[in-house]
Amino acid sequence: MLDFAGAYLDEKPDFPKSVMARWQREKRQQFGANWDRVQTIMANLRRYGIYLADVKPGNISFE
């Protein structure tokens, strides 16, 4: 995982539901079969107060 420039610390970003729904669709398409793994990574980071906004295959990759 690379690039924490698009991360929020200790405060969840407040995006409208419509924006988040579109974001989810785009990310699901970008990551395909790995989307569940990406969601797990994001959930684990949230436990530490880190909220990723710049989630893309260039920042999270799998071997």
Protein backbone atom coordinates (compact mmCIF):
# COMPACT_ATOMS: atom_id res chain seq x y z
CA MET A 1 0.00 0.00 0.00
CA LEU A 2 1.32 3.40 -0.99
CA ASP A 3 0.34 7.05 -0.74
CA PHE A 4 -1.36 8.29 2.38
CA ALA A 5 -1.74 11.83 0.96
CA GLY A 6 -5.46 11.18 0.44
CA ALA A 7 -6.01 9.87 3.98
CA TYR A 8 -8.01 11.43 6.77
CA LEU A 9 -6.81 10.92 10.32
CA ASP A 10 -9.14 10.42 13.29
CA GLU A 11 -12.11 11.88 11.43
CA LYS A 12 -14.22 10.13 8.83
CA PRO A 13 -14.74 12.26 5.70
CA ASP A 14 -18.30 13.52 5.31
CA PHE A 15 -19.18 12.82 1.67
CA PRO A 16 -22.81 12.76 0.49
CA LYS A 17 -24.36 9.29 0.10
CA SER A 18 -24.65 9.71 -3.67
CA VAL A 19 -20.92 10.43 -3.93
CA MET A 20 -20.08 7.39 -1.81
CA ALA A 21 -22.38 5.13 -3.85
CA ARG A 22 -20.66 6.22 -7.08
CA TRP A 23 -17.24 5.80 -5.43
CA GLN A 24 -18.13 2.25 -4.33
CA ARG A 25 -19.21 1.29 -7.87
CA GLU A 26 -16.03 2.72 -9.39
CA LYS A 27 -13.76 1.00 -6.88
CA ARG A 28 -15.54 -2.33 -7.27
CA GLN A 29 -14.91 -2.09 -11.02
CA GLN A 30 -11.28 -1.03 -10.61
CA PHE A 31 -10.34 -3.81 -8.18
CA GLY A 32 -12.59 -6.58 -9.48
CA ALA A 33 -12.08 -9.81 -7.53
CA ASN A 34 -9.76 -8.02 -5.06
CA TRP A 35 -12.42 -5.53 -3.89
CA ASP A 36 -13.25 -7.63 -0.79
CA ARG A 37 -9.57 -7.62 0.15
CA VAL A 38 -9.39 -3.84 -0.31
CA GLN A 39 -12.41 -3.38 1.94
CA THR A 40 -10.74 -5.52 4.61
CA ILE A 41 -7.59 -3.38 4.40
CA MET A 42 -9.66 -0.21 4.72
CA ALA A 43 -11.58 -1.61 7.70
CA ASN A 44 -8.33 -2.51 9.47
CA LEU A 45 -6.95 0.99 8.89
CA ARG A 46 -10.15 2.57 10.25
CA ARG A 47 -9.50 0.73 13.52
CA TYR A 48 -6.47 3.02 13.83
CA GLY A 49 -8.37 6.15 12.79
CA ILE A 50 -7.08 6.16 9.21
CA TYR A 51 -9.66 6.76 6.49
CA LEU A 52 -8.41 6.30 2.93
CA ALA A 53 -9.96 8.43 0.21
CA ASP A 54 -7.46 7.88 -2.62
CA VAL A 55 -8.07 4.18 -3.10
CA LYS A 56 -6.92 2.98 -6.51
CA PRO A 57 -4.96 0.08 -7.96
CA GLY A 58 -1.87 2.30 -8.17
CA ASN A 59 -1.95 2.68 -4.37
CA ILE A 60 -3.08 -0.79 -3.33
CA SER A 61 -1.80 -3.73 -5.31
CA PHE A 62 -1.77 -7.48 -4.92
CA GLU A 63 0.68 -10.08 -6.15
